[in-house]
């Protein structure tokens, strides 16, 4: 079900230290388990992931707090930064120290990120361990859930829901075609793990889901899932 029309993607800057494709590809090869992709999120995927902030959170009239997890080289971070108002705040959790260094540098050199740097915190570490001192109106997850164990996925989703305000939004994405690919290329135990993760995601989707939408203009194409805290 397509729940949100795709917003027009933001224009990319002429130069950006945060969104270098070579940097991302290098880390994808070095840390495939936690990176989980061969290319950074496209502007179209970033726009869809950030749609709840652009559409509903900003209409509330009060300052918004946003959490991004798994920022990578920062394409979604940049989209979120462009939506921040003067009293809004963005916390960015990233476990990869090289991505953390790139993001911290981009807060000084990227035009969009630098303009909102006083409202952005980079929090190095795992979402299951990083202390969070506020509740959030929106959580945007870039974690590759299909690379994790089912119990890890459940723990992460519970953490997201625990830090969201009542009625707050959670968006995350999953690539199209991962289940058939793993069935063909991976062993039986890996395929079983993938099915178990899909079952956990489906369970949370049934309880909290607001539908999903498809972003074809991404490598690879992706589903964006929309959940809402009770």
N, C-alpha and C. Protein backbone atom coordinates (compact mmCIF):
# COMPACT_ATOMS: atom_id res chain seq x y z
N UNK A 1 0.85 -1.19 0.00
CA UNK A 1 0.00 0.00 0.00
C UNK A 1 0.88 1.23 0.00
N UNK A 2 0.62 2.12 -0.90
CA UNK A 2 1.38 3.36 -0.99
C UNK A 2 0.68 4.41 -0.17
N UNK A 3 1.26 4.79 0.97
CA UNK A 3 0.59 5.68 1.89
C UNK A 3 0.98 7.13 1.72
N UNK A 4 2.07 7.40 1.02
CA UNK A 4 2.56 8.77 0.90
C UNK A 4 3.11 9.00 -0.48
N UNK A 5 2.63 10.04 -1.19
CA UNK A 5 3.26 10.34 -2.46
C UNK A 5 4.71 10.74 -2.26
N UNK A 6 5.55 10.38 -3.20
CA UNK A 6 6.97 10.70 -3.05
C UNK A 6 7.19 12.19 -3.19
N UNK A 7 7.73 12.85 -2.13
CA UNK A 7 8.03 14.28 -2.27
C UNK A 7 9.17 14.47 -3.26
N UNK A 8 9.23 15.68 -3.79
CA UNK A 8 10.35 15.98 -4.68
C UNK A 8 11.63 15.91 -3.88
N UNK A 9 12.66 15.22 -4.39
CA UNK A 9 13.89 15.10 -3.64
C UNK A 9 14.61 16.42 -3.54
N UNK A 10 15.31 16.65 -2.42
CA UNK A 10 16.07 17.89 -2.30
C UNK A 10 17.24 17.91 -3.26
N UNK A 11 17.58 19.08 -3.70
CA UNK A 11 18.72 19.20 -4.60
C UNK A 11 20.00 18.87 -3.86
N UNK A 12 20.87 18.12 -4.48
CA UNK A 12 22.14 17.77 -3.86
C UNK A 12 23.09 18.95 -3.95
N UNK A 13 23.95 19.11 -2.93
CA UNK A 13 24.92 20.20 -2.97
C UNK A 13 26.01 19.91 -3.99
N UNK A 14 26.67 20.98 -4.40
CA UNK A 14 27.75 20.80 -5.36
C UNK A 14 28.85 19.93 -4.79
N UNK A 15 29.16 20.10 -3.50
CA UNK A 15 30.14 19.27 -2.82
C UNK A 15 29.61 18.93 -1.46
N UNK A 16 29.95 17.74 -0.98
CA UNK A 16 29.52 17.31 0.35
C UNK A 16 30.46 16.25 0.86
N UNK A 17 31.03 16.48 2.03
CA UNK A 17 31.90 15.48 2.62
C UNK A 17 31.11 14.34 3.21
N UNK A 18 29.80 14.52 3.41
CA UNK A 18 29.02 13.48 4.06
C UNK A 18 28.57 12.40 3.11
N UNK A 19 28.34 12.72 1.85
CA UNK A 19 27.64 11.79 0.98
C UNK A 19 28.53 11.25 -0.13
N UNK A 20 29.80 11.05 0.12
CA UNK A 20 30.68 10.53 -0.91
C UNK A 20 30.42 9.07 -1.20
N UNK A 21 30.09 8.71 -2.46
CA UNK A 21 29.80 7.31 -2.79
C UNK A 21 31.00 6.40 -2.59
N UNK A 22 32.21 6.89 -2.84
CA UNK A 22 33.40 6.07 -2.66
C UNK A 22 33.58 5.72 -1.19
N UNK A 23 33.35 6.69 -0.31
CA UNK A 23 33.45 6.45 1.13
C UNK A 23 32.46 5.37 1.55
N UNK A 24 31.22 5.48 1.06
CA UNK A 24 30.20 4.52 1.46
C UNK A 24 30.55 3.12 0.95
N UNK A 25 30.98 3.02 -0.30
CA UNK A 25 31.31 1.72 -0.87
C UNK A 25 32.46 1.08 -0.12
N UNK A 26 33.44 1.88 0.28
CA UNK A 26 34.56 1.35 1.05
C UNK A 26 34.09 0.74 2.37
N UNK A 27 33.18 1.45 3.05
CA UNK A 27 32.68 0.94 4.32
C UNK A 27 31.74 -0.25 4.13
N UNK A 28 31.00 -0.26 3.02
CA UNK A 28 30.13 -1.41 2.74
C UNK A 28 30.96 -2.67 2.58
N UNK A 29 32.13 -2.55 1.93
CA UNK A 29 33.00 -3.71 1.77
C UNK A 29 33.67 -4.09 3.08
N UNK A 30 33.99 -3.10 3.91
CA UNK A 30 34.70 -3.35 5.15
C UNK A 30 33.76 -3.88 6.24
N UNK A 31 32.54 -3.35 6.31
CA UNK A 31 31.60 -3.74 7.37
C UNK A 31 30.23 -4.06 6.77
N UNK A 32 30.12 -5.15 6.00
CA UNK A 32 28.85 -5.45 5.33
C UNK A 32 27.71 -5.74 6.29
N UNK A 33 28.00 -6.29 7.47
CA UNK A 33 26.92 -6.65 8.39
C UNK A 33 26.17 -5.43 8.89
N UNK A 34 26.89 -4.37 9.27
CA UNK A 34 26.24 -3.19 9.82
C UNK A 34 25.91 -2.14 8.77
N UNK A 35 26.60 -2.18 7.62
CA UNK A 35 26.29 -1.22 6.55
C UNK A 35 25.11 -1.71 5.73
N UNK A 36 25.15 -2.94 5.29
CA UNK A 36 23.98 -3.58 4.70
C UNK A 36 23.53 -3.05 3.37
N UNK A 37 24.40 -2.38 2.60
CA UNK A 37 24.00 -1.83 1.31
C UNK A 37 25.26 -1.61 0.48
N UNK A 38 25.07 -1.41 -0.81
CA UNK A 38 26.19 -1.12 -1.70
C UNK A 38 26.21 0.35 -2.11
N UNK A 39 25.16 1.08 -1.76
CA UNK A 39 25.09 2.51 -2.09
C UNK A 39 24.30 3.23 -1.01
N UNK A 40 24.63 4.48 -0.80
CA UNK A 40 23.89 5.28 0.18
C UNK A 40 22.46 5.52 -0.31
N UNK A 41 21.58 5.88 0.62
CA UNK A 41 20.18 6.13 0.27
C UNK A 41 20.08 7.26 -0.75
N UNK A 42 19.21 7.07 -1.73
CA UNK A 42 19.01 8.10 -2.75
C UNK A 42 18.23 9.27 -2.18
N UNK A 43 18.24 10.43 -2.84
CA UNK A 43 17.41 11.55 -2.38
C UNK A 43 15.93 11.20 -2.31
N UNK A 44 15.46 10.31 -3.19
CA UNK A 44 14.05 9.94 -3.19
C UNK A 44 13.71 9.07 -1.98
N UNK A 45 14.62 8.17 -1.62
CA UNK A 45 14.40 7.37 -0.42
C UNK A 45 14.49 8.25 0.82
N UNK A 46 15.45 9.16 0.86
CA UNK A 46 15.57 10.08 2.00
C UNK A 46 14.31 10.91 2.16
N UNK A 47 13.76 11.40 1.05
CA UNK A 47 12.54 12.21 1.12
C UNK A 47 11.37 11.41 1.67
N UNK A 48 11.26 10.14 1.27
CA UNK A 48 10.15 9.32 1.76
C UNK A 48 10.32 9.00 3.24
N UNK A 49 11.54 8.71 3.67
CA UNK A 49 11.78 8.40 5.07
C UNK A 49 11.49 9.59 5.98
N UNK A 50 11.72 10.78 5.49
CA UNK A 50 11.54 11.98 6.31
C UNK A 50 10.16 12.61 6.14
N UNK A 51 9.29 11.98 5.35
CA UNK A 51 7.96 12.55 5.08
C UNK A 51 7.14 12.82 6.34
N UNK A 52 7.15 11.92 7.37
CA UNK A 52 6.34 12.24 8.57
C UNK A 52 6.74 13.55 9.23
N UNK A 53 8.04 13.85 9.25
CA UNK A 53 8.47 15.13 9.83
C UNK A 53 7.99 16.28 8.98
N UNK A 54 8.13 16.15 7.68
CA UNK A 54 7.73 17.23 6.78
C UNK A 54 6.23 17.45 6.81
N UNK A 55 5.47 16.35 7.01
CA UNK A 55 4.02 16.44 6.87
C UNK A 55 3.30 16.75 8.18
N UNK A 56 3.56 15.98 9.22
CA UNK A 56 2.73 16.06 10.42
C UNK A 56 3.42 16.70 11.62
N UNK A 57 4.67 16.28 11.89
CA UNK A 57 5.34 16.79 13.07
C UNK A 57 5.47 18.31 13.01
N UNK A 58 5.80 18.83 11.83
CA UNK A 58 6.00 20.27 11.69
C UNK A 58 4.69 21.05 11.80
N UNK A 59 3.55 20.37 11.62
CA UNK A 59 2.26 21.05 11.74
C UNK A 59 1.84 21.26 13.19
N UNK A 60 2.50 20.60 14.12
CA UNK A 60 2.06 20.66 15.52
C UNK A 60 2.27 22.04 16.13
N UNK A 61 3.22 22.80 15.60
CA UNK A 61 3.47 24.13 16.14
C UNK A 61 4.44 24.16 17.29
N UNK A 62 4.79 23.00 17.86
CA UNK A 62 5.75 22.97 18.96
C UNK A 62 7.09 22.44 18.45
N UNK A 63 8.18 22.68 19.17
CA UNK A 63 9.49 22.17 18.73
C UNK A 63 9.46 20.65 18.61
N UNK A 64 10.13 20.14 17.61
CA UNK A 64 10.16 18.70 17.35
C UNK A 64 11.54 18.14 17.67
N UNK A 65 11.55 16.91 18.18
CA UNK A 65 12.79 16.17 18.40
C UNK A 65 12.77 14.95 17.50
N UNK A 66 13.87 14.75 16.78
CA UNK A 66 13.95 13.68 15.79
C UNK A 66 15.19 12.83 16.10
N UNK A 67 15.04 11.52 15.93
CA UNK A 67 16.16 10.58 16.10
C UNK A 67 16.40 9.85 14.79
N UNK A 68 17.64 9.87 14.32
CA UNK A 68 18.03 9.06 13.18
C UNK A 68 19.03 8.02 13.66
N UNK A 69 18.85 6.78 13.21
CA UNK A 69 19.73 5.69 13.62
C UNK A 69 20.29 5.02 12.37
N UNK A 70 21.61 4.87 12.33
CA UNK A 70 22.25 4.29 11.15
C UNK A 70 22.37 5.29 10.03
N UNK A 71 23.04 6.40 10.30
CA UNK A 71 23.09 7.50 9.33
C UNK A 71 24.02 7.24 8.16
N UNK A 72 25.01 6.39 8.34
CA UNK A 72 25.97 6.15 7.26
C UNK A 72 26.70 7.42 6.88
N UNK A 73 26.74 7.74 5.62
CA UNK A 73 27.43 8.95 5.16
C UNK A 73 26.54 10.19 5.20
N UNK A 74 25.28 10.05 5.59
CA UNK A 74 24.47 11.22 5.89
C UNK A 74 23.46 11.72 4.89
N UNK A 75 23.04 10.97 3.88
CA UNK A 75 22.03 11.53 2.96
C UNK A 75 20.70 11.80 3.63
N UNK A 76 20.27 10.92 4.53
CA UNK A 76 19.01 11.15 5.25
C UNK A 76 19.20 12.23 6.31
N UNK A 77 20.36 12.26 6.93
CA UNK A 77 20.68 13.32 7.90
C UNK A 77 20.54 14.68 7.25
N UNK A 78 21.05 14.78 6.04
CA UNK A 78 20.97 16.06 5.34
C UNK A 78 19.52 16.45 5.05
N UNK A 79 18.70 15.45 4.65
CA UNK A 79 17.29 15.75 4.39
C UNK A 79 16.59 16.19 5.67
N UNK A 80 16.90 15.53 6.78
CA UNK A 80 16.30 15.93 8.06
C UNK A 80 16.77 17.32 8.48
N UNK A 81 18.04 17.60 8.30
CA UNK A 81 18.57 18.91 8.68
C UNK A 81 17.87 20.03 7.93
N UNK A 82 17.55 19.78 6.68
CA UNK A 82 16.86 20.80 5.88
C UNK A 82 15.46 21.08 6.35
N UNK A 83 14.88 20.18 7.17
CA UNK A 83 13.52 20.36 7.67
C UNK A 83 13.48 20.97 9.07
N UNK A 84 14.63 21.05 9.73
CA UNK A 84 14.65 21.52 11.11
C UNK A 84 14.32 23.01 11.20
N UNK A 85 13.45 23.34 12.14
CA UNK A 85 13.17 24.74 12.46
C UNK A 85 14.11 25.19 13.58
N UNK A 86 14.13 26.46 13.91
CA UNK A 86 15.10 26.95 14.89
C UNK A 86 15.06 26.26 16.25
N UNK A 87 13.89 25.78 16.69
CA UNK A 87 13.79 25.16 18.01
C UNK A 87 13.78 23.63 17.95
N UNK A 88 13.90 23.05 16.77
CA UNK A 88 13.89 21.60 16.63
C UNK A 88 15.27 21.02 16.95
N UNK A 89 15.30 19.71 17.21
CA UNK A 89 16.56 19.03 17.51
C UNK A 89 16.63 17.70 16.77
N UNK A 90 17.84 17.33 16.35
CA UNK A 90 18.08 16.05 15.68
C UNK A 90 19.23 15.35 16.37
N UNK A 91 18.98 14.13 16.85
CA UNK A 91 20.03 13.26 17.38
C UNK A 91 20.31 12.17 16.35
N UNK A 92 21.59 11.92 16.10
CA UNK A 92 22.01 10.95 15.08
C UNK A 92 22.88 9.90 15.74
N UNK A 93 22.41 8.65 15.75
CA UNK A 93 23.15 7.53 16.33
C UNK A 93 23.82 6.76 15.19
N UNK A 94 25.13 6.58 15.29
CA UNK A 94 25.88 5.85 14.25
C UNK A 94 26.98 5.02 14.93
N UNK A 95 27.04 3.74 14.60
CA UNK A 95 27.97 2.83 15.27
C UNK A 95 29.34 2.80 14.60
N UNK A 96 29.42 3.11 13.33
CA UNK A 96 30.68 3.03 12.59
C UNK A 96 31.52 4.27 12.85
N UNK A 97 32.71 4.13 13.45
CA UNK A 97 33.49 5.32 13.80
C UNK A 97 33.94 6.14 12.60
N UNK A 98 34.13 5.50 11.45
CA UNK A 98 34.53 6.26 10.26
C UNK A 98 33.37 7.07 9.72
N UNK A 99 32.16 6.52 9.79
CA UNK A 99 30.99 7.31 9.42
C UNK A 99 30.79 8.46 10.41
N UNK A 100 31.02 8.19 11.69
CA UNK A 100 30.90 9.25 12.70
C UNK A 100 31.84 10.40 12.38
N UNK A 101 33.08 10.08 12.05
CA UNK A 101 34.05 11.13 11.72
C UNK A 101 33.61 11.92 10.49
N UNK A 102 33.06 11.22 9.49
CA UNK A 102 32.60 11.90 8.28
C UNK A 102 31.43 12.83 8.60
N UNK A 103 30.51 12.36 9.44
CA UNK A 103 29.36 13.19 9.80
C UNK A 103 29.80 14.42 10.60
N UNK A 104 30.70 14.23 11.53
CA UNK A 104 31.18 15.36 12.33
C UNK A 104 31.89 16.39 11.45
N UNK A 105 32.64 15.91 10.48
CA UNK A 105 33.28 16.84 9.55
C UNK A 105 32.26 17.56 8.69
N UNK A 106 31.22 16.84 8.28
CA UNK A 106 30.20 17.45 7.43
C UNK A 106 29.41 18.54 8.15
N UNK A 107 29.31 18.45 9.48
CA UNK A 107 28.63 19.50 10.23
C UNK A 107 29.34 20.84 10.08
N UNK A 108 30.60 20.79 9.68
CA UNK A 108 31.37 22.03 9.47
C UNK A 108 31.44 22.42 8.00
N UNK A 109 31.37 21.44 7.10
CA UNK A 109 31.67 21.73 5.70
C UNK A 109 30.48 21.63 4.76
N UNK A 110 29.47 20.84 5.10
CA UNK A 110 28.29 20.72 4.25
C UNK A 110 27.35 21.90 4.53
N UNK A 111 26.90 22.57 3.49
CA UNK A 111 26.11 23.79 3.67
C UNK A 111 24.84 23.53 4.48
N UNK A 112 24.10 22.50 4.13
CA UNK A 112 22.83 22.24 4.82
C UNK A 112 23.06 21.80 6.25
N UNK A 113 24.02 20.90 6.47
CA UNK A 113 24.28 20.42 7.82
C UNK A 113 24.88 21.52 8.70
N UNK A 114 25.78 22.31 8.14
CA UNK A 114 26.39 23.39 8.92
C UNK A 114 25.35 24.41 9.37
N UNK A 115 24.35 24.65 8.54
CA UNK A 115 23.32 25.62 8.90
C UNK A 115 22.49 25.17 10.10
N UNK A 116 22.43 23.86 10.34
CA UNK A 116 21.65 23.32 11.45
C UNK A 116 22.53 22.66 12.50
N UNK A 117 23.84 22.87 12.45
CA UNK A 117 24.77 22.15 13.31
C UNK A 117 24.50 22.37 14.79
N UNK A 118 23.99 23.54 15.16
CA UNK A 118 23.74 23.81 16.57
C UNK A 118 22.54 23.03 17.10
N UNK A 119 21.79 22.38 16.20
CA UNK A 119 20.62 21.59 16.61
C UNK A 119 20.79 20.10 16.36
N UNK A 120 22.01 19.69 16.00
CA UNK A 120 22.29 18.30 15.67
C UNK A 120 23.34 17.74 16.62
N UNK A 121 23.06 16.56 17.18
CA UNK A 121 24.03 15.84 18.00
C UNK A 121 24.37 14.51 17.31
N UNK A 122 25.66 14.22 17.18
CA UNK A 122 26.12 12.93 16.68
C UNK A 122 26.44 12.07 17.91
N UNK A 123 25.77 10.92 18.03
CA UNK A 123 25.94 10.04 19.19
C UNK A 123 26.56 8.74 18.72
N UNK A 124 27.86 8.54 18.95
CA UNK A 124 28.52 7.32 18.49
C UNK A 124 28.09 6.11 19.32
N UNK A 125 27.87 4.98 18.64
CA UNK A 125 27.57 3.76 19.36
C UNK A 125 26.34 3.05 18.83
N UNK A 126 25.94 2.01 19.55
CA UNK A 126 24.77 1.20 19.17
C UNK A 126 23.51 1.79 19.78
N UNK A 127 22.40 1.72 19.05
CA UNK A 127 21.14 2.24 19.55
C UNK A 127 20.70 1.50 20.80
N UNK A 128 21.14 0.27 20.99
CA UNK A 128 20.76 -0.47 22.19
C UNK A 128 21.55 -0.06 23.42
N UNK A 129 22.61 0.76 23.23
CA UNK A 129 23.48 1.13 24.35
C UNK A 129 23.62 2.63 24.56
N UNK A 130 23.42 3.42 23.52
CA UNK A 130 23.61 4.88 23.64
C UNK A 130 22.55 5.48 24.55
N UNK A 131 22.94 6.25 25.59
CA UNK A 131 21.94 6.91 26.43
C UNK A 131 21.21 8.00 25.65
N UNK A 132 19.90 8.03 25.78
CA UNK A 132 19.08 9.04 25.12
C UNK A 132 18.31 9.79 26.20
N UNK A 133 18.39 11.11 26.18
CA UNK A 133 17.84 11.92 27.27
C UNK A 133 16.61 12.70 26.87
N UNK A 134 15.96 12.32 25.76
CA UNK A 134 14.73 13.00 25.37
C UNK A 134 13.80 12.02 24.67
N UNK A 135 12.52 12.41 24.56
CA UNK A 135 11.55 11.67 23.78
C UNK A 135 11.45 12.32 22.40
N UNK A 136 11.10 11.50 21.41
CA UNK A 136 11.16 11.95 20.03
C UNK A 136 9.79 11.92 19.36
N UNK A 137 9.60 12.88 18.48
CA UNK A 137 8.39 12.92 17.66
C UNK A 137 8.50 12.01 16.45
N UNK A 138 9.71 11.76 15.99
CA UNK A 138 9.93 10.90 14.84
C UNK A 138 11.26 10.18 14.98
N UNK A 139 11.26 8.90 14.59
CA UNK A 139 12.48 8.10 14.52
C UNK A 139 12.62 7.62 13.09
N UNK A 140 13.80 7.83 12.51
CA UNK A 140 14.10 7.37 11.16
C UNK A 140 15.24 6.36 11.26
N UNK A 141 14.98 5.13 10.84
CA UNK A 141 15.98 4.06 10.98
C UNK A 141 16.55 3.69 9.63
N UNK A 142 17.87 3.65 9.57
CA UNK A 142 18.56 3.18 8.38
C UNK A 142 19.28 1.86 8.61
N UNK A 143 18.93 1.14 9.68
CA UNK A 143 19.63 -0.10 10.01
C UNK A 143 19.20 -1.23 9.07
N UNK A 144 20.14 -2.10 8.69
CA UNK A 144 19.83 -3.23 7.82
C UNK A 144 19.27 -4.40 8.63
N UNK A 145 18.00 -4.35 8.96
CA UNK A 145 17.40 -5.35 9.85
C UNK A 145 17.61 -6.78 9.35
N UNK A 146 17.59 -6.98 8.04
CA UNK A 146 17.70 -8.35 7.54
C UNK A 146 19.09 -8.94 7.73
N UNK A 147 20.05 -8.14 8.19
CA UNK A 147 21.37 -8.65 8.52
C UNK A 147 21.48 -9.07 9.98
N UNK A 148 20.47 -8.77 10.79
CA UNK A 148 20.55 -9.00 12.22
C UNK A 148 19.82 -10.28 12.62
N UNK A 149 20.03 -10.67 13.87
CA UNK A 149 19.28 -11.78 14.44
C UNK A 149 17.88 -11.30 14.83
N UNK A 150 16.89 -12.21 14.82
CA UNK A 150 15.52 -11.79 15.17
C UNK A 150 15.43 -11.12 16.53
N UNK A 151 16.14 -11.63 17.52
CA UNK A 151 16.10 -11.00 18.85
C UNK A 151 16.66 -9.60 18.85
N UNK A 152 17.71 -9.36 18.05
CA UNK A 152 18.28 -8.01 17.94
C UNK A 152 17.26 -7.05 17.34
N UNK A 153 16.56 -7.51 16.31
CA UNK A 153 15.56 -6.65 15.66
C UNK A 153 14.46 -6.29 16.64
N UNK A 154 14.00 -7.26 17.40
CA UNK A 154 12.95 -6.99 18.39
C UNK A 154 13.44 -5.98 19.45
N UNK A 155 14.66 -6.15 19.91
CA UNK A 155 15.22 -5.23 20.91
C UNK A 155 15.30 -3.81 20.36
N UNK A 156 15.75 -3.67 19.11
CA UNK A 156 15.88 -2.34 18.50
C UNK A 156 14.51 -1.69 18.31
N UNK A 157 13.54 -2.44 17.81
CA UNK A 157 12.21 -1.88 17.60
C UNK A 157 11.58 -1.46 18.93
N UNK A 158 11.78 -2.26 19.96
CA UNK A 158 11.26 -1.89 21.28
C UNK A 158 11.93 -0.60 21.79
N UNK A 159 13.20 -0.46 21.50
CA UNK A 159 13.90 0.78 21.92
C UNK A 159 13.32 1.97 21.17
N UNK A 160 13.09 1.83 19.88
CA UNK A 160 12.49 2.91 19.12
C UNK A 160 11.15 3.33 19.73
N UNK A 161 10.31 2.36 19.98
CA UNK A 161 8.97 2.66 20.50
C UNK A 161 9.04 3.27 21.89
N UNK A 162 10.04 2.88 22.67
CA UNK A 162 10.15 3.39 24.04
C UNK A 162 10.56 4.85 24.09
N UNK A 163 11.26 5.33 23.04
CA UNK A 163 11.72 6.73 23.06
C UNK A 163 10.81 7.64 22.24
N UNK A 164 9.82 7.08 21.57
CA UNK A 164 8.87 7.90 20.82
C UNK A 164 7.80 8.47 21.74
N UNK A 165 7.40 9.70 21.46
CA UNK A 165 6.24 10.26 22.13
C UNK A 165 4.99 9.48 21.69
N UNK A 166 3.92 9.48 22.51
CA UNK A 166 2.67 8.86 22.05
C UNK A 166 2.23 9.45 20.71
N UNK A 167 1.96 8.59 19.76
CA UNK A 167 1.59 9.04 18.43
C UNK A 167 2.75 9.37 17.53
N UNK A 168 3.99 9.21 18.04
CA UNK A 168 5.16 9.52 17.24
C UNK A 168 5.35 8.53 16.11
N UNK A 169 6.12 8.94 15.10
CA UNK A 169 6.29 8.16 13.87
C UNK A 169 7.64 7.45 13.85
N UNK A 170 7.62 6.24 13.33
CA UNK A 170 8.84 5.49 13.02
C UNK A 170 8.81 5.11 11.56
N UNK A 171 9.87 5.41 10.84
CA UNK A 171 10.01 4.95 9.46
C UNK A 171 11.31 4.17 9.34
N UNK A 172 11.25 3.08 8.58
CA UNK A 172 12.45 2.32 8.25
C UNK A 172 12.26 1.74 6.86
N UNK A 173 13.34 1.27 6.26
CA UNK A 173 13.22 0.75 4.90
C UNK A 173 13.81 -0.65 4.81
N UNK A 174 13.37 -1.36 3.79
CA UNK A 174 13.90 -2.69 3.48
C UNK A 174 13.97 -2.82 1.96
N UNK A 175 15.02 -3.44 1.50
CA UNK A 175 15.21 -3.56 0.05
C UNK A 175 14.29 -4.62 -0.54
N UNK A 176 13.82 -4.39 -1.74
CA UNK A 176 13.01 -5.36 -2.45
C UNK A 176 13.86 -6.55 -2.89
N UNK A 177 13.29 -7.73 -2.80
CA UNK A 177 13.93 -8.91 -3.36
C UNK A 177 14.97 -9.58 -2.50
N UNK A 178 15.11 -9.17 -1.22
CA UNK A 178 16.16 -9.77 -0.39
C UNK A 178 15.84 -11.21 -0.03
N UNK A 179 14.56 -11.52 0.21
CA UNK A 179 14.20 -12.89 0.60
C UNK A 179 14.50 -13.89 -0.52
N UNK A 180 14.05 -13.64 -1.77
CA UNK A 180 14.40 -14.59 -2.85
C UNK A 180 15.90 -14.71 -3.07
N UNK A 181 16.61 -13.57 -2.94
CA UNK A 181 18.05 -13.60 -3.17
C UNK A 181 18.75 -14.47 -2.13
N UNK A 182 18.35 -14.33 -0.87
CA UNK A 182 18.96 -15.16 0.17
C UNK A 182 18.59 -16.63 0.00
N UNK A 183 17.36 -16.90 -0.43
CA UNK A 183 16.94 -18.28 -0.65
C UNK A 183 17.79 -18.95 -1.73
N UNK A 184 18.20 -18.17 -2.75
CA UNK A 184 18.99 -18.72 -3.83
C UNK A 184 20.47 -18.81 -3.51
N UNK A 185 20.99 -17.80 -2.79
CA UNK A 185 22.43 -17.68 -2.64
C UNK A 185 22.95 -18.12 -1.28
N UNK A 186 22.10 -18.09 -0.25
CA UNK A 186 22.56 -18.39 1.10
C UNK A 186 22.19 -19.81 1.48
N UNK A 187 22.75 -20.28 2.59
CA UNK A 187 22.42 -21.59 3.09
C UNK A 187 21.06 -21.61 3.77
N UNK A 188 20.65 -22.80 4.16
CA UNK A 188 19.33 -22.98 4.75
C UNK A 188 19.19 -22.22 6.07
N UNK A 189 20.24 -22.22 6.88
CA UNK A 189 20.17 -21.53 8.17
C UNK A 189 20.05 -20.02 7.98
N UNK A 190 20.75 -19.48 6.98
CA UNK A 190 20.67 -18.05 6.71
C UNK A 190 19.30 -17.67 6.19
N UNK A 191 18.74 -18.50 5.32
CA UNK A 191 17.40 -18.24 4.82
C UNK A 191 16.38 -18.31 5.95
N UNK A 192 16.56 -19.24 6.88
CA UNK A 192 15.65 -19.36 8.01
C UNK A 192 15.75 -18.14 8.91
N UNK A 193 16.98 -17.64 9.13
CA UNK A 193 17.15 -16.43 9.93
C UNK A 193 16.44 -15.25 9.28
N UNK A 194 16.58 -15.13 7.98
CA UNK A 194 15.93 -14.04 7.26
C UNK A 194 14.41 -14.13 7.40
N UNK A 195 13.85 -15.33 7.31
CA UNK A 195 12.40 -15.49 7.47
C UNK A 195 11.96 -15.12 8.88
N UNK A 196 12.79 -15.46 9.87
CA UNK A 196 12.45 -15.12 11.25
C UNK A 196 12.46 -13.61 11.47
N UNK A 197 13.43 -12.91 10.88
CA UNK A 197 13.46 -11.45 10.97
C UNK A 197 12.23 -10.86 10.30
N UNK A 198 11.88 -11.38 9.12
CA UNK A 198 10.68 -10.90 8.43
C UNK A 198 9.45 -11.10 9.29
N UNK A 199 9.41 -12.19 10.04
CA UNK A 199 8.28 -12.43 10.93
C UNK A 199 8.19 -11.40 12.05
N UNK A 200 9.34 -11.04 12.61
CA UNK A 200 9.35 -10.00 13.66
C UNK A 200 8.87 -8.67 13.09
N UNK A 201 9.38 -8.30 11.93
CA UNK A 201 8.97 -7.04 11.31
C UNK A 201 7.48 -7.04 10.99
N UNK A 202 6.97 -8.18 10.51
CA UNK A 202 5.55 -8.28 10.22
C UNK A 202 4.71 -8.14 11.48
N UNK A 203 5.18 -8.71 12.58
CA UNK A 203 4.47 -8.61 13.85
C UNK A 203 4.33 -7.15 14.29
N UNK A 204 5.43 -6.40 14.22
CA UNK A 204 5.36 -4.99 14.61
C UNK A 204 4.55 -4.18 13.61
N UNK A 205 4.60 -4.59 12.36
CA UNK A 205 3.79 -3.91 11.36
C UNK A 205 2.31 -4.09 11.62
N UNK A 206 1.92 -5.27 12.04
CA UNK A 206 0.51 -5.52 12.35
C UNK A 206 0.05 -4.72 13.56
N UNK A 207 0.93 -4.56 14.52
CA UNK A 207 0.56 -3.86 15.77
C UNK A 207 0.60 -2.35 15.63
N UNK A 208 1.58 -1.84 14.89
CA UNK A 208 1.80 -0.39 14.85
C UNK A 208 1.82 0.20 13.45
N UNK A 209 1.66 -0.63 12.42
CA UNK A 209 1.88 -0.18 11.06
C UNK A 209 0.85 0.79 10.53
N UNK A 210 1.33 1.70 9.70
CA UNK A 210 0.48 2.66 8.99
C UNK A 210 0.60 2.46 7.48
N UNK A 211 1.11 1.30 7.09
CA UNK A 211 1.28 1.01 5.67
C UNK A 211 2.72 1.14 5.22
N UNK A 212 2.93 0.88 3.97
CA UNK A 212 4.27 1.00 3.39
C UNK A 212 4.16 1.60 1.99
N UNK A 213 5.27 2.12 1.52
CA UNK A 213 5.33 2.69 0.18
C UNK A 213 6.60 2.20 -0.49
N UNK A 214 6.64 2.31 -1.80
CA UNK A 214 7.77 1.79 -2.57
C UNK A 214 8.54 2.93 -3.22
N UNK A 215 9.84 2.88 -3.08
CA UNK A 215 10.72 3.86 -3.72
C UNK A 215 11.53 3.11 -4.78
N UNK A 216 11.19 3.31 -6.02
CA UNK A 216 11.88 2.63 -7.11
C UNK A 216 13.20 3.30 -7.45
N UNK A 217 13.28 4.60 -7.20
CA UNK A 217 14.49 5.34 -7.60
C UNK A 217 15.51 5.27 -6.47
N UNK A 218 15.98 4.06 -6.22
CA UNK A 218 17.00 3.80 -5.22
C UNK A 218 17.75 2.56 -5.67
N UNK A 219 18.98 2.38 -5.17
CA UNK A 219 19.78 1.22 -5.52
C UNK A 219 20.08 0.41 -4.26
N UNK A 220 19.42 -0.77 -4.10
CA UNK A 220 18.30 -1.27 -4.91
C UNK A 220 16.99 -0.59 -4.49
N UNK A 221 15.90 -0.80 -5.26
CA UNK A 221 14.61 -0.25 -4.84
C UNK A 221 14.24 -0.72 -3.44
N UNK A 222 13.43 0.09 -2.75
CA UNK A 222 13.17 -0.19 -1.33
C UNK A 222 11.71 0.05 -0.97
N UNK A 223 11.25 -0.70 0.01
CA UNK A 223 10.00 -0.40 0.70
C UNK A 223 10.30 0.51 1.88
N UNK A 224 9.46 1.51 2.09
CA UNK A 224 9.52 2.31 3.31
C UNK A 224 8.31 1.96 4.16
N UNK A 225 8.59 1.52 5.38
CA UNK A 225 7.53 1.13 6.30
C UNK A 225 7.25 2.26 7.29
N UNK A 226 5.97 2.50 7.53
CA UNK A 226 5.52 3.58 8.40
C UNK A 226 4.83 2.98 9.61
N UNK A 227 5.34 3.26 10.81
CA UNK A 227 4.75 2.80 12.05
C UNK A 227 4.45 3.99 12.93
N UNK A 228 3.53 3.79 13.87
CA UNK A 228 3.17 4.88 14.76
C UNK A 228 3.06 4.36 16.19
N UNK A 229 3.69 5.05 17.14
CA UNK A 229 3.62 4.64 18.53
C UNK A 229 2.22 4.83 19.07
N UNK A 230 1.74 3.90 19.94
CA UNK A 230 0.38 4.05 20.48
C UNK A 230 0.28 5.24 21.41
